[in-house]
PDB file of N, CA and C in Angstrom:
ATOM      1  N   UNK A   1      -5.653  11.937   5.440  1.00  0.00           N
ATOM      2  CA  UNK A   1      -4.474  11.322   5.078  1.00  0.00           C
ATOM      3  C   UNK A   1      -4.666  10.713   3.742  1.00  0.00           C
ATOM      4  N   UNK A   2      -3.757  10.734   2.881  1.00  0.00           N
ATOM      5  CA  UNK A   2      -3.898  10.205   1.545  1.00  0.00           C
ATOM      6  C   UNK A   2      -3.860   8.766   1.460  1.00  0.00           C
ATOM      7  N   UNK A   3      -4.557   8.282   0.319  1.00  0.00           N
ATOM      8  CA  UNK A   3      -4.692   6.775   0.080  1.00  0.00           C
ATOM      9  C   UNK A   3      -3.373   6.323  -0.590  1.00  0.00           C
ATOM     10  N   UNK A   4      -2.308   6.104   0.227  1.00  0.00           N
ATOM     11  CA  UNK A   4      -1.052   5.725  -0.292  1.00  0.00           C
ATOM     12  C   UNK A   4      -0.547   4.640   0.525  1.00  0.00           C
ATOM     13  N   UNK A   5      -0.133   3.508   0.057  1.00  0.00           N
ATOM     14  CA  UNK A   5       0.472   2.421   0.865  1.00  0.00           C
ATOM     15  C   UNK A   5       1.734   2.885   1.380  1.00  0.00           C
ATOM     16  N   UNK A   6       1.914   2.564   2.731  1.00  0.00           N
ATOM     17  CA  UNK A   6       3.070   3.164   3.505  1.00  0.00           C
ATOM     18  C   UNK A   6       4.365   2.246   3.239  1.00  0.00           C
ATOM     19  N   UNK A   7       4.135   1.131   2.708  1.00  0.00           N
ATOM     20  CA  UNK A   7       5.343   0.196   2.473  1.00  0.00           C
ATOM     21  C   UNK A   7       5.843   0.157   1.075  1.00  0.00           C
ATOM     22  N   UNK A   8       4.870   0.243   0.084  1.00  0.00           N
ATOM     23  CA  UNK A   8       5.249   0.098  -1.386  1.00  0.00           C
ATOM     24  C   UNK A   8       5.075   1.414  -1.968  1.00  0.00           C
ATOM     25  N   UNK A   9       4.375   2.490  -1.505  1.00  0.00           N
ATOM     26  CA  UNK A   9       4.173   3.718  -2.225  1.00  0.00           C
ATOM     27  C   UNK A   9       3.113   3.745  -3.152  1.00  0.00           C
ATOM     28  N   UNK A  10       2.264   2.602  -3.350  1.00  0.00           N
ATOM     29  CA  UNK A  10       1.293   2.548  -4.413  1.00  0.00           C
ATOM     30  C   UNK A  10       0.237   3.613  -4.009  1.00  0.00           C
ATOM     31  N   UNK A  11      -0.256   4.177  -5.042  1.00  0.00           N
ATOM     32  CA  UNK A  11      -1.271   5.261  -4.925  1.00  0.00           C
ATOM     33  C   UNK A  11      -2.338   5.205  -6.132  1.00  0.00           C
ATOM     34  N   UNK A  12      -3.371   6.067  -6.140  1.00  0.00           N
ATOM     35  CA  UNK A  12      -4.319   6.001  -7.119  1.00  0.00           C
ATOM     36  C   UNK A  12      -3.821   6.287  -8.457  1.00  0.00           C
ATOM     37  N   UNK A  13      -4.416   5.538  -9.460  1.00  0.00           N
ATOM     38  CA  UNK A  13      -4.041   5.758 -10.860  1.00  0.00           C
ATOM     39  C   UNK A  13      -5.320   6.444 -11.516  1.00  0.00           C
ATOM     40  N   UNK A  14      -5.105   7.121 -12.595  1.00  0.00           N
ATOM     41  CA  UNK A  14      -6.195   7.782 -13.361  1.00  0.00           C
ATOM     42  C   UNK A  14      -6.367   6.990 -14.602  1.00  0.00           C
ATOM     43  N   UNK A  15      -7.705   6.844 -15.035  1.00  0.00           N
ATOM     44  CA  UNK A  15      -7.992   6.235 -16.253  1.00  0.00           C
ATOM     45  C   UNK A  15      -9.359   6.714 -16.847  1.00  0.00           C
ATOM     46  N   UNK A  16      -9.871   5.993 -17.706  1.00  0.00           N
ATOM     47  CA  UNK A  16     -11.155   6.416 -18.233  1.00  0.00           C
ATOM     48  C   UNK A  16     -12.317   5.380 -17.909  1.00  0.00           C
ATOM     49  N   UNK A  17     -13.561   5.970 -17.755  1.00  0.00           N
ATOM     50  CA  UNK A  17     -14.720   5.102 -17.870  1.00  0.00           C
ATOM     51  C   UNK A  17     -15.044   5.099 -19.222  1.00  0.00           C
ATOM     52  N   UNK A  18     -15.370   3.980 -19.944  1.00  0.00           N
ATOM     53  CA  UNK A  18     -15.669   3.968 -21.336  1.00  0.00           C
ATOM     54  C   UNK A  18     -17.125   3.339 -21.432  1.00  0.00           C
ATOM     55  N   UNK A  19     -17.878   4.226 -22.136  1.00  0.00           N
ATOM     56  CA  UNK A  19     -19.363   3.623 -22.172  1.00  0.00           C
ATOM     57  C   UNK A  19     -19.401   2.864 -23.543  1.00  0.00           C
ATOM     58  N   UNK A  20     -20.640   2.187 -23.681  1.00  0.00           N
ATOM     59  CA  UNK A  20     -20.822   1.316 -24.832  1.00  0.00           C
ATOM     60  C   UNK A  20     -20.738   2.190 -26.109  1.00  0.00           C
ATOM     61  N   UNK A  21     -20.927   3.482 -26.083  1.00  0.00           N
ATOM     62  CA  UNK A  21     -20.740   4.403 -27.190  1.00  0.00           C
ATOM     63  C   UNK A  21     -19.463   4.955 -27.355  1.00  0.00           C
ATOM     64  N   UNK A  22     -18.518   4.274 -26.441  1.00  0.00           N
ATOM     65  CA  UNK A  22     -17.123   4.726 -26.535  1.00  0.00           C
ATOM     66  C   UNK A  22     -16.822   6.208 -26.023  1.00  0.00           C
ATOM     67  N   UNK A  23     -17.811   6.729 -25.214  1.00  0.00           N
ATOM     68  CA  UNK A  23     -17.573   8.054 -24.724  1.00  0.00           C
ATOM     69  C   UNK A  23     -16.701   7.670 -23.413  1.00  0.00           C
ATOM     70  N   UNK A  24     -15.701   8.710 -23.297  1.00  0.00           N
ATOM     71  CA  UNK A  24     -14.659   8.509 -22.221  1.00  0.00           C
ATOM     72  C   UNK A  24     -14.835   9.707 -21.141  1.00  0.00           C
ATOM     73  N   UNK A  25     -14.910   9.344 -19.910  1.00  0.00           N
ATOM     74  CA  UNK A  25     -14.884  10.216 -18.794  1.00  0.00           C
ATOM     75  C   UNK A  25     -13.817   9.895 -17.845  1.00  0.00           C
ATOM     76  N   UNK A  26     -13.165  10.760 -17.324  1.00  0.00           N
ATOM     77  CA  UNK A  26     -11.966  10.481 -16.287  1.00  0.00           C
ATOM     78  C   UNK A  26     -12.485   9.734 -14.948  1.00  0.00           C
ATOM     79  N   UNK A  27     -11.823   8.910 -14.488  1.00  0.00           N
ATOM     80  CA  UNK A  27     -12.076   8.162 -13.229  1.00  0.00           C
ATOM     81  C   UNK A  27     -10.775   7.913 -12.661  1.00  0.00           C
ATOM     82  N   UNK A  28     -10.947   7.474 -11.206  1.00  0.00           N
ATOM     83  CA  UNK A  28      -9.740   7.260 -10.461  1.00  0.00           C
ATOM     84  C   UNK A  28      -9.852   5.719  -9.930  1.00  0.00           C
ATOM     85  N   UNK A  29      -8.646   5.082 -10.116  1.00  0.00           N
ATOM     86  CA  UNK A  29      -8.550   3.670  -9.599  1.00  0.00           C
ATOM     87  C   UNK A  29      -7.767   3.714  -8.296  1.00  0.00           C
ATOM     88  N   UNK A  30      -8.472   3.641  -7.177  1.00  0.00           N
ATOM     89  CA  UNK A  30      -7.859   3.709  -5.887  1.00  0.00           C
ATOM     90  C   UNK A  30      -7.128   2.381  -5.573  1.00  0.00           C
ATOM     91  N   UNK A  31      -5.971   2.542  -4.919  1.00  0.00           N
ATOM     92  CA  UNK A  31      -5.221   1.438  -4.419  1.00  0.00           C
ATOM     93  C   UNK A  31      -6.014   0.666  -3.403  1.00  0.00           C
ATOM     94  N   UNK A  32      -5.873  -0.741  -3.488  1.00  0.00           N
ATOM     95  CA  UNK A  32      -6.554  -1.739  -2.418  1.00  0.00           C
ATOM     96  C   UNK A  32      -5.846  -1.558  -1.107  1.00  0.00           C
ATOM     97  N   UNK A  33      -6.335  -0.666  -0.143  1.00  0.00           N
ATOM     98  CA  UNK A  33      -5.539  -0.466   1.071  1.00  0.00           C
ATOM     99  C   UNK A  33      -6.376  -0.960   2.203  1.00  0.00           C
ATOM    100  N   UNK A  34      -5.770  -1.426   3.231  1.00  0.00           N
ATOM    101  CA  UNK A  34      -6.317  -1.847   4.561  1.00  0.00           C
ATOM    102  C   UNK A  34      -5.413  -1.353   5.635  1.00  0.00           C
ATOM    103  N   UNK A  35      -6.022  -1.081   6.903  1.00  0.00           N
ATOM    104  CA  UNK A  35      -5.321  -0.659   7.868  1.00  0.00           C
ATOM    105  C   UNK A  35      -5.195  -1.936   8.917  1.00  0.00           C
ATOM    106  N   UNK A  36      -3.843  -2.105   9.213  1.00  0.00           N
ATOM    107  CA  UNK A  36      -3.534  -3.402   9.836  1.00  0.00           C
ATOM    108  C   UNK A  36      -2.429  -3.151  10.930  1.00  0.00           C
ATOM    109  N   UNK A  37      -2.520  -3.843  12.117  1.00  0.00           N
ATOM    110  CA  UNK A  37      -1.506  -3.647  13.219  1.00  0.00           C
ATOM    111  C   UNK A  37      -0.472  -4.822  13.016  1.00  0.00           C
ATOM    112  N   UNK A  38       0.715  -4.536  13.144  1.00  0.00           N
ATOM    113  CA  UNK A  38       1.759  -5.532  13.111  1.00  0.00           C
ATOM    114  C   UNK A  38       2.670  -5.437  14.299  1.00  0.00           C
ATOM    115  N   UNK A  39       2.982  -6.596  14.826  1.00  0.00           N
ATOM    116  CA  UNK A  39       4.020  -6.553  15.917  1.00  0.00           C
ATOM    117  C   UNK A  39       5.394  -6.705  15.410  1.00  0.00           C
ATOM    118  N   UNK A  40       6.295  -5.862  15.910  1.00  0.00           N
ATOM    119  CA  UNK A  40       7.708  -5.896  15.534  1.00  0.00           C
ATOM    120  C   UNK A  40       8.458  -6.445  16.668  1.00  0.00           C
ATOM    121  N   UNK A  41       8.944  -7.607  16.751  1.00  0.00           N
ATOM    122  CA  UNK A  41       9.644  -8.260  17.835  1.00  0.00           C
ATOM    123  C   UNK A  41      10.894  -7.538  18.141  1.00  0.00           C
ATOM    124  N   UNK A  42      11.686  -7.125  17.021  1.00  0.00           N
ATOM    125  CA  UNK A  42      13.011  -6.444  17.304  1.00  0.00           C
ATOM    126  C   UNK A  42      12.923  -5.199  18.203  1.00  0.00           C
ATOM    127  N   UNK A  43      11.824  -4.353  17.928  1.00  0.00           N
ATOM    128  CA  UNK A  43      11.574  -3.185  18.679  1.00  0.00           C
ATOM    129  C   UNK A  43      10.580  -3.345  19.729  1.00  0.00           C
ATOM    130  N   UNK A  44      10.060  -4.534  19.918  1.00  0.00           N
ATOM    131  CA  UNK A  44       8.948  -4.889  21.092  1.00  0.00           C
ATOM    132  C   UNK A  44       7.957  -3.964  21.028  1.00  0.00           C
ATOM    133  N   UNK A  45       7.240  -3.666  19.770  1.00  0.00           N
ATOM    134  CA  UNK A  45       6.234  -2.740  19.839  1.00  0.00           C
ATOM    135  C   UNK A  45       5.236  -3.167  18.635  1.00  0.00           C
ATOM    136  N   UNK A  46       4.022  -2.631  18.692  1.00  0.00           N
ATOM    137  CA  UNK A  46       3.109  -2.607  17.724  1.00  0.00           C
ATOM    138  C   UNK A  46       2.998  -1.414  16.778  1.00  0.00           C
ATOM    139  N   UNK A  47       2.862  -1.484  15.507  1.00  0.00           N
ATOM    140  CA  UNK A  47       2.708  -0.358  14.745  1.00  0.00           C
ATOM    141  C   UNK A  47       1.361  -0.643  13.894  1.00  0.00           C
ATOM    142  N   UNK A  48       0.696   0.551  13.487  1.00  0.00           N
ATOM    143  CA  UNK A  48      -0.376   0.394  12.570  1.00  0.00           C
ATOM    144  C   UNK A  48       0.011   1.014  11.376  1.00  0.00           C
ATOM    145  N   UNK A  49      -0.163   0.215  10.280  1.00  0.00           N
ATOM    146  CA  UNK A  49       0.155   0.614   8.966  1.00  0.00           C
ATOM    147  C   UNK A  49      -1.063   0.596   7.973  1.00  0.00           C
ATOM    148  N   UNK A  50      -1.043   1.426   7.042  1.00  0.00           N
ATOM    149  CA  UNK A  50      -2.034   1.411   6.018  1.00  0.00           C
ATOM    150  C   UNK A  50      -1.215   0.839   4.757  1.00  0.00           C
ATOM    151  N   UNK A  51      -1.517  -0.398   4.405  1.00  0.00           N
ATOM    152  CA  UNK A  51      -0.802  -1.150   3.388  1.00  0.00           C
ATOM    153  C   UNK A  51      -1.798  -1.605   2.337  1.00  0.00           C
ATOM    154  N   UNK A  52      -1.215  -1.744   1.180  1.00  0.00           N
ATOM    155  CA  UNK A  52      -2.002  -2.516   0.057  1.00  0.00           C
ATOM    156  C   UNK A  52      -1.991  -3.976   0.270  1.00  0.00           C
ATOM    157  N   UNK A  53      -3.010  -4.570  -0.304  1.00  0.00           N
ATOM    158  CA  UNK A  53      -3.178  -6.120  -0.147  1.00  0.00           C
ATOM    159  C   UNK A  53      -1.922  -6.748  -0.665  1.00  0.00           C
ATOM    160  N   UNK A  54      -1.342  -6.232  -1.744  1.00  0.00           N
ATOM    161  CA  UNK A  54      -0.066  -6.814  -2.339  1.00  0.00           C
ATOM    162  C   UNK A  54       1.113  -6.722  -1.412  1.00  0.00           C
ATOM    163  N   UNK A  55       1.194  -5.580  -0.597  1.00  0.00           N
ATOM    164  CA  UNK A  55       2.231  -5.509   0.303  1.00  0.00           C
ATOM    165  C   UNK A  55       1.937  -6.493   1.516  1.00  0.00           C
ATOM    166  N   UNK A  56       0.732  -6.774   1.852  1.00  0.00           N
ATOM    167  CA  UNK A  56       0.253  -7.700   2.832  1.00  0.00           C
ATOM    168  C   UNK A  56       0.801  -9.165   2.489  1.00  0.00           C
ATOM    169  N   UNK A  57       0.633  -9.518   1.162  1.00  0.00           N
ATOM    170  CA  UNK A  57       1.231 -10.781   0.754  1.00  0.00           C
ATOM    171  C   UNK A  57       2.805 -10.738   0.909  1.00  0.00           C
ATOM    172  N   UNK A  58       3.384  -9.644   0.626  1.00  0.00           N
ATOM    173  CA  UNK A  58       4.739  -9.709   0.680  1.00  0.00           C
ATOM    174  C   UNK A  58       5.248  -9.669   2.201  1.00  0.00           C
ATOM    175  N   UNK A  59       4.511  -9.195   3.019  1.00  0.00           N
ATOM    176  CA  UNK A  59       4.855  -9.177   4.506  1.00  0.00           C
ATOM    177  C   UNK A  59       4.608 -10.775   4.989  1.00  0.00           C
ATOM    178  N   UNK A  60       3.577 -11.340   4.514  1.00  0.00           N
ATOM    179  CA  UNK A  60       3.487 -12.717   4.911  1.00  0.00           C
ATOM    180  C   UNK A  60       4.647 -13.604   4.353  1.00  0.00           C
ATOM    181  N   UNK A  61       5.236 -13.271   3.322  1.00  0.00           N
ATOM    182  CA  UNK A  61       6.166 -14.107   2.703  1.00  0.00           C
ATOM    183  C   UNK A  61       7.591 -13.721   3.142  1.00  0.00           C
ATOM    184  N   UNK A  62       8.029 -12.422   3.373  1.00  0.00           N
ATOM    185  CA  UNK A  62       9.373 -12.123   3.912  1.00  0.00           C
ATOM    186  C   UNK A  62       9.473 -11.699   5.280  1.00  0.00           C
ATOM    187  N   UNK A  63       8.218 -11.350   5.884  1.00  0.00           N
ATOM    188  CA  UNK A  63       8.232 -10.951   7.435  1.00  0.00           C
ATOM    189  C   UNK A  63       8.128  -9.213   7.335  1.00  0.00           C
ATOM    190  N   UNK A  64       7.493  -8.906   8.425  1.00  0.00           N
ATOM    191  CA  UNK A  64       7.352  -7.428   8.618  1.00  0.00           C
ATOM    192  C   UNK A  64       8.596  -6.623   8.743  1.00  0.00           C
ATOM    193  N   UNK A  65       9.560  -7.249   9.508  1.00  0.00           N
ATOM    194  CA  UNK A  65      10.897  -6.556   9.742  1.00  0.00           C
ATOM    195  C   UNK A  65      11.697  -6.308   8.376  1.00  0.00           C
ATOM    196  N   UNK A  66      11.606  -7.324   7.574  1.00  0.00           N
ATOM    197  CA  UNK A  66      12.258  -7.114   6.207  1.00  0.00           C
ATOM    198  C   UNK A  66      11.515  -6.140   5.409  1.00  0.00           C
ATOM    199  N   UNK A  67      10.288  -6.285   5.403  1.00  0.00           N
ATOM    200  CA  UNK A  67       9.410  -5.364   4.584  1.00  0.00           C
ATOM    201  C   UNK A  67       9.621  -3.901   4.881  1.00  0.00           C
ATOM    202  N   UNK A  68       9.667  -3.628   6.264  1.00  0.00           N
ATOM    203  CA  UNK A  68       9.873  -2.287   6.786  1.00  0.00           C
ATOM    204  C   UNK A  68      11.371  -1.922   6.414  1.00  0.00           C
ATOM    205  N   UNK A  69      12.249  -2.696   6.491  1.00  0.00           N
ATOM    206  CA  UNK A  69      13.749  -2.327   6.168  1.00  0.00           C
ATOM    207  C   UNK A  69      13.759  -1.989   4.659  1.00  0.00           C
ATOM    208  N   UNK A  70      13.123  -2.749   3.846  1.00  0.00           N
ATOM    209  CA  UNK A  70      13.189  -2.514   2.408  1.00  0.00           C
ATOM    210  C   UNK A  70      12.409  -1.191   2.063  1.00  0.00           C
ATOM    211  N   UNK A  71      11.324  -0.906   2.695  1.00  0.00           N
ATOM    212  CA  UNK A  71      10.514   0.387   2.526  1.00  0.00           C
ATOM    213  C   UNK A  71      11.401   1.565   3.049  1.00  0.00           C
ATOM    214  N   UNK A  72      12.159   1.393   4.085  1.00  0.00           N
ATOM    215  CA  UNK A  72      12.986   2.578   4.545  1.00  0.00           C
ATOM    216  C   UNK A  72      14.093   2.761   3.501  1.00  0.00           C
ATOM    217  N   UNK A  73      14.703   1.710   2.957  1.00  0.00           N
ATOM    218  CA  UNK A  73      15.735   1.934   1.992  1.00  0.00           C
ATOM    219  C   UNK A  73      15.081   2.559   0.690  1.00  0.00           C
ATOM    220  N   UNK A  74      13.962   2.386   0.432  1.00  0.00           N
ATOM    221  CA  UNK A  74      13.296   3.073  -0.881  1.00  0.00           C
ATOM    222  C   UNK A  74      12.822   4.413  -0.520  1.00  0.00           C
ATOM    223  N   UNK A  75      12.585   4.666   0.783  1.00  0.00           N
ATOM    224  CA  UNK A  75      12.186   5.987   1.120  1.00  0.00           C
ATOM    225  C   UNK A  75      10.739   6.154   1.452  1.00  0.00           C
ATOM    226  N   UNK A  76       9.971   5.026   1.585  1.00  0.00           N
ATOM    227  CA  UNK A  76       8.442   4.999   1.572  1.00  0.00           C
ATOM    228  C   UNK A  76       8.166   5.028   3.004  1.00  0.00           C
ATOM    229  N   UNK A  77       8.926   4.539   4.013  1.00  0.00           N
ATOM    230  CA  UNK A  77       8.569   4.472   5.359  1.00  0.00           C
ATOM    231  C   UNK A  77       9.535   5.175   6.203  1.00  0.00           C
ATOM    232  N   UNK A  78       8.944   6.247   7.031  1.00  0.00           N
ATOM    233  CA  UNK A  78       9.788   7.073   7.868  1.00  0.00           C
ATOM    234  C   UNK A  78      11.039   7.442   7.315  1.00  0.00           C
TER     235      UNK A  78
END
């Protein structure tokens, strides 16, 4: 499974490693993802999501139901 946040769509970015001599080689910046279980009271079930830590802060602020609703509207979740 790819390293993509299921709620925000965040994924790896590409950049450069830059040495002291200013030599540049390609590298990848992975998204900061964690696997977390959430309880959705409206559906009375548990779901396991791979979310970024910034999405986790959003869930703590607005709630899991609102976050999933927003992700569905943007096309990131199911």
